[in-house]
């Protein structure tokens, strides 16, 4: 995992942030608090959060899904960019991590936009499908346990409207996916999903070397 986009020399990365990043103060505060967390490397990079905010604005997103909340940087990024009546379904299983997220949602004045469900994400997503919500979401961001990636992708694809967008994080896995000697279970799960998305004719795709690798799949 990576807290910054892969492969950039320090001076180039600093230049990128200095000439691109416009980070709201509440996101800066959250990022600094999370940097002290033992699992800090689970947070997305600030340039990725800004890219996601721009996508939400460009698409006019009103209904979003997040699988894997952690301390809330990505969900806060999305919620800030949504209209006041926007709704984000936030799926996680860790009450301790998400308590930090809830604090910052409230501080930013977006907590009314976020529905946090603490349960296995596949169960939550399947329940929404069963409730008749298929085809009603605009965007989904997947950043959770890698072994569950393929199931999350399929559930989110069903929940998205045509033209909706799935974003999958960590698809380059610090370069491990391109290392044949790395046969770890997480690495293999990511490779499997990358192959699946690349071959999936239900979507148009682009993999970006942003953060730790971000796969975009737009539902046809």
Protein backbone atom coordinates (compact mmCIF):
# COMPACT_ATOMS: atom_id res chain seq x y z
CA UNK A 1 0.00 0.00 0.00
CA UNK A 2 1.13 3.55 -0.58
CA UNK A 3 0.30 6.95 0.94
CA UNK A 4 1.44 8.64 -2.28
CA UNK A 5 1.40 7.90 -6.00
CA UNK A 6 3.92 5.22 -6.93
CA UNK A 7 7.13 5.78 -8.83
CA UNK A 8 7.50 9.54 -8.48
CA UNK A 9 10.79 11.00 -7.18
CA UNK A 10 10.36 13.09 -4.04
CA UNK A 11 10.93 16.39 -5.84
CA UNK A 12 8.39 15.55 -8.55
CA UNK A 13 5.82 14.40 -6.00
CA UNK A 14 6.30 17.59 -4.00
CA UNK A 15 5.84 19.62 -7.17
CA UNK A 16 2.64 17.71 -7.97
CA UNK A 17 1.18 18.49 -4.55
CA UNK A 18 2.31 22.12 -4.60
CA UNK A 19 0.75 22.76 -8.01
CA UNK A 20 -2.36 20.60 -7.81
CA UNK A 21 -3.54 19.82 -4.30
CA UNK A 22 -6.36 21.94 -2.92
CA UNK A 23 -7.13 20.11 0.29
CA UNK A 24 -9.90 21.39 2.57
CA UNK A 25 -8.68 22.04 6.11
CA UNK A 26 -10.86 19.29 7.55
CA UNK A 27 -9.25 16.72 5.24
CA UNK A 28 -5.77 17.97 6.16
CA UNK A 29 -6.63 17.58 9.84
CA UNK A 30 -7.94 14.05 9.28
CA UNK A 31 -4.88 13.08 7.26
CA UNK A 32 -2.56 14.36 10.01
CA UNK A 33 -4.45 12.48 12.72
CA UNK A 34 -4.46 9.28 10.66
CA UNK A 35 -0.71 9.60 10.08
CA UNK A 36 -0.28 8.78 13.79
CA UNK A 37 -2.47 5.67 13.53
CA UNK A 38 -0.77 2.24 13.62
CA UNK A 39 -2.52 1.34 10.34
CA UNK A 40 -1.85 4.69 8.67
CA UNK A 41 -0.77 3.07 5.40
CA UNK A 42 -4.39 2.08 4.78
CA UNK A 43 -5.28 5.71 3.99
CA UNK A 44 -5.45 6.86 0.39
CA UNK A 45 -3.15 9.60 -0.89
CA UNK A 46 -4.39 13.22 -0.90
CA UNK A 47 -4.05 13.52 -4.66
CA UNK A 48 -6.30 10.47 -5.04
CA UNK A 49 -8.88 11.99 -2.72
CA UNK A 50 -8.88 15.16 -4.80
CA UNK A 51 -9.28 13.15 -8.00
CA UNK A 52 -12.25 11.36 -6.48
CA UNK A 53 -13.86 14.66 -5.47
CA UNK A 54 -13.48 15.90 -9.03
CA UNK A 55 -15.09 12.74 -10.43
CA UNK A 56 -18.03 13.13 -8.03
CA UNK A 57 -18.51 16.73 -9.17
CA UNK A 58 -18.17 15.89 -12.88
CA UNK A 59 -20.67 13.06 -12.62
CA UNK A 60 -23.16 14.91 -10.46
CA UNK A 61 -23.10 12.02 -8.00
CA UNK A 62 -26.05 11.80 -5.62
CA UNK A 63 -25.79 8.18 -4.50
CA UNK A 64 -22.45 6.57 -3.69
CA UNK A 65 -21.05 3.40 -2.13
CA UNK A 66 -17.83 2.94 -0.21
CA UNK A 67 -16.51 -0.49 0.73
CA UNK A 68 -13.85 0.01 3.38
CA UNK A 69 -14.00 3.25 5.37
CA UNK A 70 -10.98 3.12 7.72
CA UNK A 71 -10.69 6.62 9.29
CA UNK A 72 -12.80 8.24 6.61
CA UNK A 73 -10.53 10.21 4.26
CA UNK A 74 -12.07 8.85 1.06
CA UNK A 75 -15.66 8.96 2.34
CA UNK A 76 -15.18 12.53 3.56
CA UNK A 77 -13.69 13.47 0.19
CA UNK A 78 -16.73 12.06 -1.61
CA UNK A 79 -19.28 13.50 0.82
CA UNK A 80 -17.80 16.99 0.58
CA UNK A 81 -18.24 16.92 -3.20
CA UNK A 82 -21.83 15.65 -3.16
CA UNK A 83 -24.88 17.93 -3.01
CA UNK A 84 -26.57 18.42 0.35
CA UNK A 85 -29.14 15.73 -0.42
CA UNK A 86 -26.50 13.22 -1.54
CA UNK A 87 -26.25 9.84 0.18
CA UNK A 88 -23.16 7.69 0.74
CA UNK A 89 -23.52 4.08 1.85
CA UNK A 90 -20.34 3.43 3.87
CA UNK A 91 -19.55 -0.24 4.55
CA UNK A 92 -17.06 -1.35 7.19
CA UNK A 93 -16.70 -3.78 10.09
CA UNK A 94 -14.44 -1.80 12.45
CA UNK A 95 -16.17 0.47 14.96
CA UNK A 96 -12.86 1.78 16.34
CA UNK A 97 -11.51 2.97 12.98
CA UNK A 98 -14.82 4.42 11.83
CA UNK A 99 -15.30 6.35 15.07
CA UNK A 100 -12.58 8.66 13.77
CA UNK A 101 -14.41 8.96 10.45
CA UNK A 102 -17.68 9.84 12.21
CA UNK A 103 -15.94 12.61 14.15
CA UNK A 104 -14.70 14.23 10.95
CA UNK A 105 -17.98 13.75 9.06
CA UNK A 106 -19.62 15.71 11.86
CA UNK A 107 -16.88 18.34 11.92
CA UNK A 108 -17.29 18.86 8.17
CA UNK A 109 -21.09 19.04 8.38
CA UNK A 110 -21.64 16.04 6.10
CA UNK A 111 -22.69 13.35 8.58
CA UNK A 112 -26.30 13.57 7.32
CA UNK A 113 -25.05 12.38 3.92
CA UNK A 114 -23.35 9.24 5.24
CA UNK A 115 -25.03 5.99 6.23
CA UNK A 116 -22.45 3.85 8.02
CA UNK A 117 -23.25 0.13 8.16
CA UNK A 118 -20.98 -1.98 10.38
CA UNK A 119 -21.37 -5.45 8.90
CA UNK A 120 -19.64 -7.60 6.28
CA UNK A 121 -19.87 -5.56 3.08
CA UNK A 122 -21.08 -8.42 0.90
CA UNK A 123 -24.05 -8.87 3.22
CA UNK A 124 -24.81 -5.14 3.19
CA UNK A 125 -24.58 -4.86 -0.58
CA UNK A 126 -26.64 -8.00 -1.20
CA UNK A 127 -29.30 -6.66 1.16
CA UNK A 128 -29.50 -3.47 -0.93
CA UNK A 129 -29.85 -5.51 -4.10
CA UNK A 130 -32.59 -7.58 -2.50
CA UNK A 131 -34.32 -4.36 -1.42
CA UNK A 132 -34.63 -3.30 -5.07
CA UNK A 133 -31.76 -0.79 -5.20
CA UNK A 134 -29.99 -2.34 -8.23
CA UNK A 135 -29.15 0.23 -10.86
CA UNK A 136 -29.64 3.20 -8.54
CA UNK A 137 -26.11 4.25 -7.49
CA UNK A 138 -23.76 6.56 -9.37
CA UNK A 139 -20.33 5.61 -8.07
CA UNK A 140 -18.64 2.99 -5.87
CA UNK A 141 -15.19 2.94 -4.26
CA UNK A 142 -13.71 -0.40 -3.16
CA UNK A 143 -10.82 -0.33 -0.69
CA UNK A 144 -11.18 -3.20 1.76
CA UNK A 145 -9.97 -6.79 2.28
CA UNK A 146 -8.43 -7.95 -0.96
CA UNK A 147 -9.88 -11.46 -0.76
CA UNK A 148 -13.34 -9.93 -1.01
CA UNK A 149 -12.57 -7.65 -3.95
CA UNK A 150 -14.22 -9.73 -6.66
CA UNK A 151 -17.46 -10.17 -4.71
CA UNK A 152 -17.56 -6.46 -3.90
CA UNK A 153 -16.97 -5.61 -7.55
CA UNK A 154 -19.85 -7.79 -8.72
CA UNK A 155 -22.25 -6.45 -6.09
CA UNK A 156 -21.32 -2.85 -6.83
CA UNK A 157 -21.65 -3.37 -10.57
CA UNK A 158 -25.20 -4.62 -10.03
CA UNK A 159 -26.03 -1.64 -7.82
CA UNK A 160 -24.67 0.93 -10.27
CA UNK A 161 -26.77 2.62 -12.93
CA UNK A 162 -25.61 2.46 -16.56
CA UNK A 163 -22.84 5.04 -16.83
CA UNK A 164 -21.98 4.57 -13.16
CA UNK A 165 -18.36 4.20 -12.11
CA UNK A 166 -16.50 1.72 -9.91
CA UNK A 167 -13.12 2.73 -8.49
CA UNK A 168 -10.94 -0.07 -7.09
CA UNK A 169 -7.95 0.87 -4.94
CA UNK A 170 -4.54 -0.81 -4.50
CA UNK A 171 -4.60 -2.54 -7.88
CA UNK A 172 -0.84 -2.12 -8.32
CA UNK A 173 -0.16 -3.20 -4.72
CA UNK A 174 3.16 -1.34 -4.46
CA UNK A 175 4.26 -3.14 -7.64
CA UNK A 176 3.78 -6.63 -6.19
CA UNK A 177 1.24 -7.60 -8.86
CA UNK A 178 4.04 -7.43 -11.44
CA UNK A 179 6.42 -9.57 -9.39
CA UNK A 180 5.93 -13.27 -10.28
CA UNK A 181 7.74 -14.31 -7.12
CA UNK A 182 5.06 -12.70 -4.95
CA UNK A 183 2.39 -15.35 -4.46
CA UNK A 184 0.80 -13.88 -1.35
CA UNK A 185 -2.95 -14.32 -1.03
CA UNK A 186 -3.70 -10.59 -1.27
CA UNK A 187 -1.46 -10.17 -4.31
CA UNK A 188 -3.11 -13.11 -6.06
CA UNK A 189 -6.59 -11.75 -5.25
CA UNK A 190 -5.72 -8.39 -6.77
CA UNK A 191 -4.22 -10.01 -9.87
CA UNK A 192 -7.39 -12.08 -10.27
CA UNK A 193 -9.61 -9.01 -10.09
CA UNK A 194 -7.38 -7.02 -12.45
CA UNK A 195 -7.64 -9.84 -15.01
CA UNK A 196 -11.39 -10.03 -14.47
CA UNK A 197 -11.99 -6.30 -14.95
CA UNK A 198 -9.73 -6.13 -18.00
CA UNK A 199 -11.74 -8.89 -19.68
CA UNK A 200 -15.15 -7.63 -18.49
CA UNK A 201 -17.12 -6.40 -21.51
CA UNK A 202 -19.82 -4.93 -19.26
CA UNK A 203 -17.54 -2.00 -18.49
CA UNK A 204 -15.15 0.46 -20.09
CA UNK A 205 -11.90 0.60 -18.15
CA UNK A 206 -8.74 2.49 -17.33
CA UNK A 207 -6.08 1.63 -14.74
CA UNK A 208 -4.26 4.68 -13.39
CA UNK A 209 -0.91 4.81 -11.56
CA UNK A 210 -2.53 7.07 -8.95
CA UNK A 211 -1.92 6.34 -5.29
CA UNK A 212 -1.33 2.59 -5.09
CA UNK A 213 -3.02 2.03 -8.44
CA UNK A 214 -6.65 2.90 -9.15
CA UNK A 215 -8.82 0.89 -11.55
CA UNK A 216 -11.78 2.74 -13.09
CA UNK A 217 -14.62 0.68 -14.56
CA UNK A 218 -17.59 2.51 -16.11
CA UNK A 219 -20.73 0.43 -16.45
CA UNK A 220 -22.04 0.30 -20.00
